[in-house]
């Protein structure tokens, strides 16, 4: 049997490059109570930590606040409850 192990080892001094704006990893979230928004969206971890979402919808925004977590397929999913709707100023 042939050994396919690489000859070199990974460097211990790997540089951790911070994520740039717009490249944050996304996580699934559930939305509840909105008369317009879809029930599920992908959001950044920063938005989950902030506890508030502002989702564009039609000619305005639906606003959500963190409510709880649910478990789906062994993964904790944040749930946000609808609080308000604002319209885009023209």
PDB file of N, CA and C in Angstrom:
ATOM      1  N   UNK A   1       0.837  -1.175   0.000  1.00  0.00           N
ATOM      2  CA  UNK A   1       0.000   0.000   0.000  1.00  0.00           C
ATOM      3  C   UNK A   1       0.884   1.243   0.000  1.00  0.00           C
ATOM      4  N   UNK A   2       0.518   2.241  -0.748  1.00  0.00           N
ATOM      5  CA  UNK A   2       1.301   3.457  -0.894  1.00  0.00           C
ATOM      6  C   UNK A   2       0.881   4.487   0.150  1.00  0.00           C
ATOM      7  N   UNK A   3       1.866   5.123   0.770  1.00  0.00           N
ATOM      8  CA  UNK A   3       1.602   6.171   1.750  1.00  0.00           C
ATOM      9  C   UNK A   3       1.399   7.489   1.002  1.00  0.00           C
ATOM     10  N   UNK A   4       0.222   8.131   1.197  1.00  0.00           N
ATOM     11  CA  UNK A   4      -0.066   9.386   0.500  1.00  0.00           C
ATOM     12  C   UNK A   4      -0.023  10.584   1.447  1.00  0.00           C
ATOM     13  N   UNK A   5       0.641  10.416   2.583  1.00  0.00           N
ATOM     14  CA  UNK A   5       0.791  11.501   3.538  1.00  0.00           C
ATOM     15  C   UNK A   5       1.716  12.564   2.960  1.00  0.00           C
ATOM     16  N   UNK A   6       1.345  13.856   3.037  1.00  0.00           N
ATOM     17  CA  UNK A   6       2.232  14.894   2.503  1.00  0.00           C
ATOM     18  C   UNK A   6       3.545  14.945   3.263  1.00  0.00           C
ATOM     19  N   UNK A   7       4.604  15.347   2.551  1.00  0.00           N
ATOM     20  CA  UNK A   7       5.930  15.416   3.149  1.00  0.00           C
ATOM     21  C   UNK A   7       6.108  16.599   4.092  1.00  0.00           C
ATOM     22  N   UNK A   8       5.278  17.613   3.955  1.00  0.00           N
ATOM     23  CA  UNK A   8       5.427  18.805   4.801  1.00  0.00           C
ATOM     24  C   UNK A   8       4.298  18.887   5.820  1.00  0.00           C
ATOM     25  N   UNK A   9       4.579  19.531   6.912  1.00  0.00           N
ATOM     26  CA  UNK A   9       3.593  19.743   7.964  1.00  0.00           C
ATOM     27  C   UNK A   9       3.068  21.173   7.872  1.00  0.00           C
ATOM     28  N   UNK A  10       1.831  21.423   8.249  1.00  0.00           N
ATOM     29  CA  UNK A  10       1.312  22.791   8.210  1.00  0.00           C
ATOM     30  C   UNK A  10       2.094  23.684   9.169  1.00  0.00           C
ATOM     31  N   UNK A  11       2.259  24.928   8.794  1.00  0.00           N
ATOM     32  CA  UNK A  11       3.000  25.889   9.617  1.00  0.00           C
ATOM     33  C   UNK A  11       2.221  26.209  10.885  1.00  0.00           C
ATOM     34  N   UNK A  12       2.969  26.365  11.984  1.00  0.00           N
ATOM     35  CA  UNK A  12       2.336  26.716  13.247  1.00  0.00           C
ATOM     36  C   UNK A  12       2.049  28.214  13.327  1.00  0.00           C
ATOM     37  N   UNK A  13       2.674  28.993  12.471  1.00  0.00           N
ATOM     38  CA  UNK A  13       2.509  30.442  12.532  1.00  0.00           C
ATOM     39  C   UNK A  13       1.553  30.951  11.453  1.00  0.00           C
ATOM     40  N   UNK A  14       0.408  30.273  11.298  1.00  0.00           N
ATOM     41  CA  UNK A  14      -0.591  30.675  10.311  1.00  0.00           C
ATOM     42  C   UNK A  14      -1.226  31.977  10.768  1.00  0.00           C
ATOM     43  N   UNK A  15      -1.318  32.917   9.849  1.00  0.00           N
ATOM     44  CA  UNK A  15      -1.888  34.227  10.157  1.00  0.00           C
ATOM     45  C   UNK A  15      -3.397  34.160  10.033  1.00  0.00           C
ATOM     46  N   UNK A  16      -4.096  34.628  11.046  1.00  0.00           N
ATOM     47  CA  UNK A  16      -5.554  34.683  11.025  1.00  0.00           C
ATOM     48  C   UNK A  16      -5.972  36.003  10.386  1.00  0.00           C
ATOM     49  N   UNK A  17      -6.552  35.940   9.205  1.00  0.00           N
ATOM     50  CA  UNK A  17      -6.969  37.143   8.503  1.00  0.00           C
ATOM     51  C   UNK A  17      -8.414  37.447   8.877  1.00  0.00           C
ATOM     52  N   UNK A  18      -8.680  38.642   9.419  1.00  0.00           N
ATOM     53  CA  UNK A  18     -10.058  38.967   9.809  1.00  0.00           C
ATOM     54  C   UNK A  18     -10.961  39.064   8.584  1.00  0.00           C
ATOM     55  N   UNK A  19     -12.242  38.757   8.799  1.00  0.00           N
ATOM     56  CA  UNK A  19     -13.199  38.848   7.702  1.00  0.00           C
ATOM     57  C   UNK A  19     -13.415  40.301   7.324  1.00  0.00           C
ATOM     58  N   UNK A  20     -13.542  40.542   6.045  1.00  0.00           N
ATOM     59  CA  UNK A  20     -13.812  41.893   5.574  1.00  0.00           C
ATOM     60  C   UNK A  20     -15.309  42.127   5.572  1.00  0.00           C
ATOM     61  N   UNK A  21     -15.705  43.386   5.571  1.00  0.00           N
ATOM     62  CA  UNK A  21     -17.124  43.735   5.553  1.00  0.00           C
ATOM     63  C   UNK A  21     -17.791  43.074   4.351  1.00  0.00           C
ATOM     64  N   UNK A  22     -18.935  42.477   4.594  1.00  0.00           N
ATOM     65  CA  UNK A  22     -19.661  41.827   3.511  1.00  0.00           C
ATOM     66  C   UNK A  22     -19.280  40.379   3.294  1.00  0.00           C
ATOM     67  N   UNK A  23     -18.280  39.870   4.022  1.00  0.00           N
ATOM     68  CA  UNK A  23     -17.865  38.479   3.839  1.00  0.00           C
ATOM     69  C   UNK A  23     -18.086  37.654   5.098  1.00  0.00           C
ATOM     70  N   UNK A  24     -18.844  38.178   6.054  1.00  0.00           N
ATOM     71  CA  UNK A  24     -19.100  37.444   7.290  1.00  0.00           C
ATOM     72  C   UNK A  24     -19.865  36.161   6.964  1.00  0.00           C
ATOM     73  N   UNK A  25     -19.645  35.130   7.764  1.00  0.00           N
ATOM     74  CA  UNK A  25     -20.359  33.887   7.537  1.00  0.00           C
ATOM     75  C   UNK A  25     -21.828  34.062   7.905  1.00  0.00           C
ATOM     76  N   UNK A  26     -22.670  33.376   7.172  1.00  0.00           N
ATOM     77  CA  UNK A  26     -24.107  33.475   7.391  1.00  0.00           C
ATOM     78  C   UNK A  26     -24.618  32.260   8.139  1.00  0.00           C
ATOM     79  N   UNK A  27     -25.657  32.477   8.934  1.00  0.00           N
ATOM     80  CA  UNK A  27     -26.309  31.406   9.675  1.00  0.00           C
ATOM     81  C   UNK A  27     -27.815  31.504   9.416  1.00  0.00           C
ATOM     82  N   UNK A  28     -28.521  30.375   9.472  1.00  0.00           N
ATOM     83  CA  UNK A  28     -29.971  30.427   9.272  1.00  0.00           C
ATOM     84  C   UNK A  28     -30.678  31.032  10.475  1.00  0.00           C
ATOM     85  N   UNK A  29     -31.777  31.711  10.227  1.00  0.00           N
ATOM     86  CA  UNK A  29     -32.615  32.258  11.296  1.00  0.00           C
ATOM     87  C   UNK A  29     -34.075  32.111  10.884  1.00  0.00           C
ATOM     88  N   UNK A  30     -34.949  31.976  11.876  1.00  0.00           N
ATOM     89  CA  UNK A  30     -36.383  31.895  11.607  1.00  0.00           C
ATOM     90  C   UNK A  30     -37.027  33.214  11.980  1.00  0.00           C
ATOM     91  N   UNK A  31     -38.008  33.615  11.171  1.00  0.00           N
ATOM     92  CA  UNK A  31     -38.760  34.838  11.417  1.00  0.00           C
ATOM     93  C   UNK A  31     -40.196  34.458  11.736  1.00  0.00           C
ATOM     94  N   UNK A  32     -40.750  35.088  12.756  1.00  0.00           N
ATOM     95  CA  UNK A  32     -42.136  34.790  13.144  1.00  0.00           C
ATOM     96  C   UNK A  32     -42.934  36.074  13.273  1.00  0.00           C
ATOM     97  N   UNK A  33     -44.189  36.000  12.826  1.00  0.00           N
ATOM     98  CA  UNK A  33     -45.126  37.079  13.060  1.00  0.00           C
ATOM     99  C   UNK A  33     -45.247  38.118  11.964  1.00  0.00           C
ATOM    100  N   UNK A  34     -44.388  38.096  10.981  1.00  0.00           N
ATOM    101  CA  UNK A  34     -44.457  39.101   9.926  1.00  0.00           C
ATOM    102  C   UNK A  34     -45.552  38.757   8.930  1.00  0.00           C
ATOM    103  N   UNK A  35     -46.359  39.748   8.552  1.00  0.00           N
ATOM    104  CA  UNK A  35     -47.373  39.478   7.540  1.00  0.00           C
ATOM    105  C   UNK A  35     -46.791  39.400   6.127  1.00  0.00           C
ATOM    106  N   UNK A  36     -45.522  39.810   5.956  1.00  0.00           N
ATOM    107  CA  UNK A  36     -44.944  39.878   4.620  1.00  0.00           C
ATOM    108  C   UNK A  36     -43.679  39.046   4.419  1.00  0.00           C
ATOM    109  N   UNK A  37     -42.778  39.020   5.378  1.00  0.00           N
ATOM    110  CA  UNK A  37     -41.457  38.397   5.203  1.00  0.00           C
ATOM    111  C   UNK A  37     -41.551  36.884   5.147  1.00  0.00           C
ATOM    112  N   UNK A  38     -40.578  36.270   4.475  1.00  0.00           N
ATOM    113  CA  UNK A  38     -40.468  34.813   4.420  1.00  0.00           C
ATOM    114  C   UNK A  38     -40.159  34.278   5.816  1.00  0.00           C
ATOM    115  N   UNK A  39     -40.503  33.021   6.106  1.00  0.00           N
ATOM    116  CA  UNK A  39     -40.278  32.486   7.456  1.00  0.00           C
ATOM    117  C   UNK A  39     -38.825  32.208   7.802  1.00  0.00           C
ATOM    118  N   UNK A  40     -37.959  32.132   6.810  1.00  0.00           N
ATOM    119  CA  UNK A  40     -36.557  31.849   7.091  1.00  0.00           C
ATOM    120  C   UNK A  40     -35.632  32.727   6.271  1.00  0.00           C
ATOM    121  N   UNK A  41     -34.519  33.118   6.878  1.00  0.00           N
ATOM    122  CA  UNK A  41     -33.522  33.946   6.195  1.00  0.00           C
ATOM    123  C   UNK A  41     -32.135  33.517   6.640  1.00  0.00           C
ATOM    124  N   UNK A  42     -31.134  33.997   5.928  1.00  0.00           N
ATOM    125  CA  UNK A  42     -29.751  33.817   6.330  1.00  0.00           C
ATOM    126  C   UNK A  42     -29.260  35.169   6.835  1.00  0.00           C
ATOM    127  N   UNK A  43     -28.652  35.181   8.021  1.00  0.00           N
ATOM    128  CA  UNK A  43     -28.179  36.424   8.633  1.00  0.00           C
ATOM    129  C   UNK A  43     -26.740  36.243   9.097  1.00  0.00           C
ATOM    130  N   UNK A  44     -26.060  37.352   9.359  1.00  0.00           N
ATOM    131  CA  UNK A  44     -24.697  37.263   9.864  1.00  0.00           C
ATOM    132  C   UNK A  44     -24.723  36.986  11.363  1.00  0.00           C
ATOM    133  N   UNK A  45     -23.626  36.480  11.862  1.00  0.00           N
ATOM    134  CA  UNK A  45     -23.520  36.236  13.306  1.00  0.00           C
ATOM    135  C   UNK A  45     -23.606  37.551  14.090  1.00  0.00           C
ATOM    136  N   UNK A  46     -23.117  38.641  13.494  1.00  0.00           N
ATOM    137  CA  UNK A  46     -23.185  39.946  14.145  1.00  0.00           C
ATOM    138  C   UNK A  46     -24.634  40.373  14.340  1.00  0.00           C
ATOM    139  N   UNK A  47     -25.485  40.092  13.355  1.00  0.00           N
ATOM    140  CA  UNK A  47     -26.899  40.444  13.488  1.00  0.00           C
ATOM    141  C   UNK A  47     -27.556  39.623  14.589  1.00  0.00           C
ATOM    142  N   UNK A  48     -27.187  38.352  14.702  1.00  0.00           N
ATOM    143  CA  UNK A  48     -27.728  37.514  15.777  1.00  0.00           C
ATOM    144  C   UNK A  48     -27.284  38.062  17.120  1.00  0.00           C
ATOM    145  N   UNK A  49     -26.006  38.423  17.231  1.00  0.00           N
ATOM    146  CA  UNK A  49     -25.481  38.960  18.490  1.00  0.00           C
ATOM    147  C   UNK A  49     -26.148  40.279  18.848  1.00  0.00           C
ATOM    148  N   UNK A  50     -26.452  41.097  17.847  1.00  0.00           N
ATOM    149  CA  UNK A  50     -27.113  42.383  18.080  1.00  0.00           C
ATOM    150  C   UNK A  50     -28.549  42.183  18.554  1.00  0.00           C
ATOM    151  N   UNK A  51     -29.188  41.105  18.108  1.00  0.00           N
ATOM    152  CA  UNK A  51     -30.548  40.809  18.547  1.00  0.00           C
ATOM    153  C   UNK A  51     -31.626  41.524  17.761  1.00  0.00           C
ATOM    154  N   UNK A  52     -31.248  42.219  16.689  1.00  0.00           N
ATOM    155  CA  UNK A  52     -32.231  42.940  15.875  1.00  0.00           C
ATOM    156  C   UNK A  52     -31.966  42.684  14.399  1.00  0.00           C
ATOM    157  N   UNK A  53     -33.050  42.589  13.644  1.00  0.00           N
ATOM    158  CA  UNK A  53     -32.940  42.438  12.195  1.00  0.00           C
ATOM    159  C   UNK A  53     -33.801  43.491  11.519  1.00  0.00           C
ATOM    160  N   UNK A  54     -33.326  43.977  10.387  1.00  0.00           N
ATOM    161  CA  UNK A  54     -34.074  44.915   9.551  1.00  0.00           C
ATOM    162  C   UNK A  54     -34.056  44.313   8.156  1.00  0.00           C
ATOM    163  N   UNK A  55     -35.179  43.703   7.758  1.00  0.00           N
ATOM    164  CA  UNK A  55     -35.261  42.950   6.524  1.00  0.00           C
ATOM    165  C   UNK A  55     -36.016  43.776   5.472  1.00  0.00           C
ATOM    166  N   UNK A  56     -35.377  44.061   4.311  1.00  0.00           N
ATOM    167  CA  UNK A  56     -36.102  44.764   3.252  1.00  0.00           C
ATOM    168  C   UNK A  56     -37.277  43.918   2.763  1.00  0.00           C
ATOM    169  N   UNK A  57     -38.419  44.550   2.608  1.00  0.00           N
ATOM    170  CA  UNK A  57     -39.611  43.837   2.172  1.00  0.00           C
ATOM    171  C   UNK A  57     -40.519  44.811   1.426  1.00  0.00           C
ATOM    172  N   UNK A  58     -40.780  44.527   0.148  1.00  0.00           N
ATOM    173  CA  UNK A  58     -41.612  45.375  -0.712  1.00  0.00           C
ATOM    174  C   UNK A  58     -41.088  46.810  -0.680  1.00  0.00           C
ATOM    175  N   UNK A  59     -41.904  47.764  -0.249  1.00  0.00           N
ATOM    176  CA  UNK A  59     -41.477  49.166  -0.224  1.00  0.00           C
ATOM    177  C   UNK A  59     -41.110  49.641   1.179  1.00  0.00           C
ATOM    178  N   UNK A  60     -40.618  48.744   2.001  1.00  0.00           N
ATOM    179  CA  UNK A  60     -40.262  49.115   3.360  1.00  0.00           C
ATOM    180  C   UNK A  60     -39.343  48.088   4.004  1.00  0.00           C
ATOM    181  N   UNK A  61     -39.368  48.075   5.321  1.00  0.00           N
ATOM    182  CA  UNK A  61     -38.541  47.150   6.095  1.00  0.00           C
ATOM    183  C   UNK A  61     -39.389  46.516   7.183  1.00  0.00           C
ATOM    184  N   UNK A  62     -39.199  45.226   7.398  1.00  0.00           N
ATOM    185  CA  UNK A  62     -39.782  44.550   8.554  1.00  0.00           C
ATOM    186  C   UNK A  62     -38.697  44.485   9.616  1.00  0.00           C
ATOM    187  N   UNK A  63     -39.062  44.814  10.848  1.00  0.00           N
ATOM    188  CA  UNK A  63     -38.121  44.827  11.968  1.00  0.00           C
ATOM    189  C   UNK A  63     -38.433  43.653  12.892  1.00  0.00           C
ATOM    190  N   UNK A  64     -37.372  42.992  13.330  1.00  0.00           N
ATOM    191  CA  UNK A  64     -37.493  41.819  14.188  1.00  0.00           C
ATOM    192  C   UNK A  64     -36.542  41.948  15.365  1.00  0.00           C
ATOM    193  N   UNK A  65     -36.934  41.347  16.494  1.00  0.00           N
ATOM    194  CA  UNK A  65     -36.066  41.262  17.661  1.00  0.00           C
ATOM    195  C   UNK A  65     -35.927  39.806  18.063  1.00  0.00           C
ATOM    196  N   UNK A  66     -34.749  39.475  18.609  1.00  0.00           N
ATOM    197  CA  UNK A  66     -34.481  38.101  19.033  1.00  0.00           C
ATOM    198  C   UNK A  66     -35.519  37.657  20.048  1.00  0.00           C
ATOM    199  N   UNK A  67     -36.005  36.423  19.878  1.00  0.00           N
ATOM    200  CA  UNK A  67     -37.015  35.876  20.777  1.00  0.00           C
ATOM    201  C   UNK A  67     -36.516  34.648  21.525  1.00  0.00           C
ATOM    202  N   UNK A  68     -35.945  33.673  20.794  1.00  0.00           N
ATOM    203  CA  UNK A  68     -35.519  32.417  21.418  1.00  0.00           C
ATOM    204  C   UNK A  68     -34.683  31.621  20.422  1.00  0.00           C
ATOM    205  N   UNK A  69     -34.333  30.415  20.809  1.00  0.00           N
ATOM    206  CA  UNK A  69     -33.661  29.478  19.912  1.00  0.00           C
ATOM    207  C   UNK A  69     -34.543  28.248  19.758  1.00  0.00           C
ATOM    208  N   UNK A  70     -34.491  27.615  18.597  1.00  0.00           N
ATOM    209  CA  UNK A  70     -35.124  26.312  18.384  1.00  0.00           C
ATOM    210  C   UNK A  70     -34.039  25.379  17.860  1.00  0.00           C
ATOM    211  N   UNK A  71     -34.250  24.093  18.029  1.00  0.00           N
ATOM    212  CA  UNK A  71     -33.300  23.105  17.528  1.00  0.00           C
ATOM    213  C   UNK A  71     -33.869  22.476  16.265  1.00  0.00           C
ATOM    214  N   UNK A  72     -33.113  22.557  15.190  1.00  0.00           N
ATOM    215  CA  UNK A  72     -33.484  21.954  13.908  1.00  0.00           C
ATOM    216  C   UNK A  72     -32.311  21.097  13.446  1.00  0.00           C
ATOM    217  N   UNK A  73     -32.531  19.804  13.287  1.00  0.00           N
ATOM    218  CA  UNK A  73     -31.481  18.869  12.852  1.00  0.00           C
ATOM    219  C   UNK A  73     -30.237  18.972  13.734  1.00  0.00           C
ATOM    220  N   UNK A  74     -30.431  19.134  15.028  1.00  0.00           N
ATOM    221  CA  UNK A  74     -29.325  19.185  15.967  1.00  0.00           C
ATOM    222  C   UNK A  74     -28.596  20.521  16.016  1.00  0.00           C
ATOM    223  N   UNK A  75     -29.103  21.534  15.317  1.00  0.00           N
ATOM    224  CA  UNK A  75     -28.454  22.836  15.276  1.00  0.00           C
ATOM    225  C   UNK A  75     -29.373  23.887  15.912  1.00  0.00           C
ATOM    226  N   UNK A  76     -28.792  24.751  16.757  1.00  0.00           N
ATOM    227  CA  UNK A  76     -29.571  25.831  17.357  1.00  0.00           C
ATOM    228  C   UNK A  76     -29.803  26.927  16.326  1.00  0.00           C
ATOM    229  N   UNK A  77     -31.058  27.283  16.128  1.00  0.00           N
ATOM    230  CA  UNK A  77     -31.440  28.300  15.161  1.00  0.00           C
ATOM    231  C   UNK A  77     -32.076  29.464  15.927  1.00  0.00           C
ATOM    232  N   UNK A  78     -31.561  30.691  15.746  1.00  0.00           N
ATOM    233  CA  UNK A  78     -32.186  31.826  16.416  1.00  0.00           C
ATOM    234  C   UNK A  78     -33.539  32.152  15.795  1.00  0.00           C
ATOM    235  N   UNK A  79     -34.485  32.520  16.649  1.00  0.00           N
ATOM    236  CA  UNK A  79     -35.823  32.895  16.206  1.00  0.00           C
ATOM    237  C   UNK A  79     -36.018  34.377  16.516  1.00  0.00           C
ATOM    238  N   UNK A  80     -36.465  35.125  15.516  1.00  0.00           N
ATOM    239  CA  UNK A  80     -36.719  36.550  15.677  1.00  0.00           C
ATOM    240  C   UNK A  80     -38.208  36.805  15.489  1.00  0.00           C
ATOM    241  N   UNK A  81     -38.779  37.611  16.385  1.00  0.00           N
ATOM    242  CA  UNK A  81     -40.205  37.945  16.336  1.00  0.00           C
ATOM    243  C   UNK A  81     -40.394  39.323  15.711  1.00  0.00           C
ATOM    244  N   UNK A  82     -41.386  39.433  14.847  1.00  0.00           N
ATOM    245  CA  UNK A  82     -41.691  40.674  14.158  1.00  0.00           C
ATOM    246  C   UNK A  82     -42.159  41.723  15.158  1.00  0.00           C
ATOM    247  N   UNK A  83     -41.640  42.941  15.040  1.00  0.00           N
ATOM    248  CA  UNK A  83     -42.035  44.010  15.953  1.00  0.00           C
ATOM    249  C   UNK A  83     -42.680  45.190  15.257  1.00  0.00           C
ATOM    250  N   UNK A  84     -42.275  45.456  13.996  1.00  0.00           N
ATOM    251  CA  UNK A  84     -42.740  46.678  13.354  1.00  0.00           C
ATOM    252  C   UNK A  84     -42.448  46.632  11.864  1.00  0.00           C
ATOM    253  N   UNK A  85     -43.088  47.533  11.149  1.00  0.00           N
ATOM    254  CA  UNK A  85     -42.822  47.704   9.718  1.00  0.00           C
ATOM    255  C   UNK A  85     -42.682  49.187   9.446  1.00  0.00           C
ATOM    256  N   UNK A  86     -41.624  49.552   8.721  1.00  0.00           N
ATOM    257  CA  UNK A  86     -41.442  50.945   8.341  1.00  0.00           C
ATOM    258  C   UNK A  86     -41.398  51.029   6.819  1.00  0.00           C
ATOM    259  N   UNK A  87     -41.736  52.192   6.310  1.00  0.00           N
ATOM    260  CA  UNK A  87     -41.747  52.405   4.858  1.00  0.00           C
ATOM    261  C   UNK A  87     -40.542  53.244   4.462  1.00  0.00           C
ATOM    262  N   UNK A  88     -40.085  53.039   3.236  1.00  0.00           N
ATOM    263  CA  UNK A  88     -38.972  53.817   2.707  1.00  0.00           C
ATOM    264  C   UNK A  88     -39.478  55.229   2.410  1.00  0.00           C
ATOM    265  N   UNK A  89     -38.723  56.232   2.865  1.00  0.00           N
ATOM    266  CA  UNK A  89     -39.099  57.620   2.593  1.00  0.00           C
ATOM    267  C   UNK A  89     -38.855  57.930   1.127  1.00  0.00           C
ATOM    268  N   UNK A  90     -39.775  58.624   0.516  1.00  0.00           N
ATOM    269  CA  UNK A  90     -39.629  58.967  -0.903  1.00  0.00           C
ATOM    270  C   UNK A  90     -39.414  60.438  -1.111  1.00  0.00           C
TER     271      UNK A  90
END
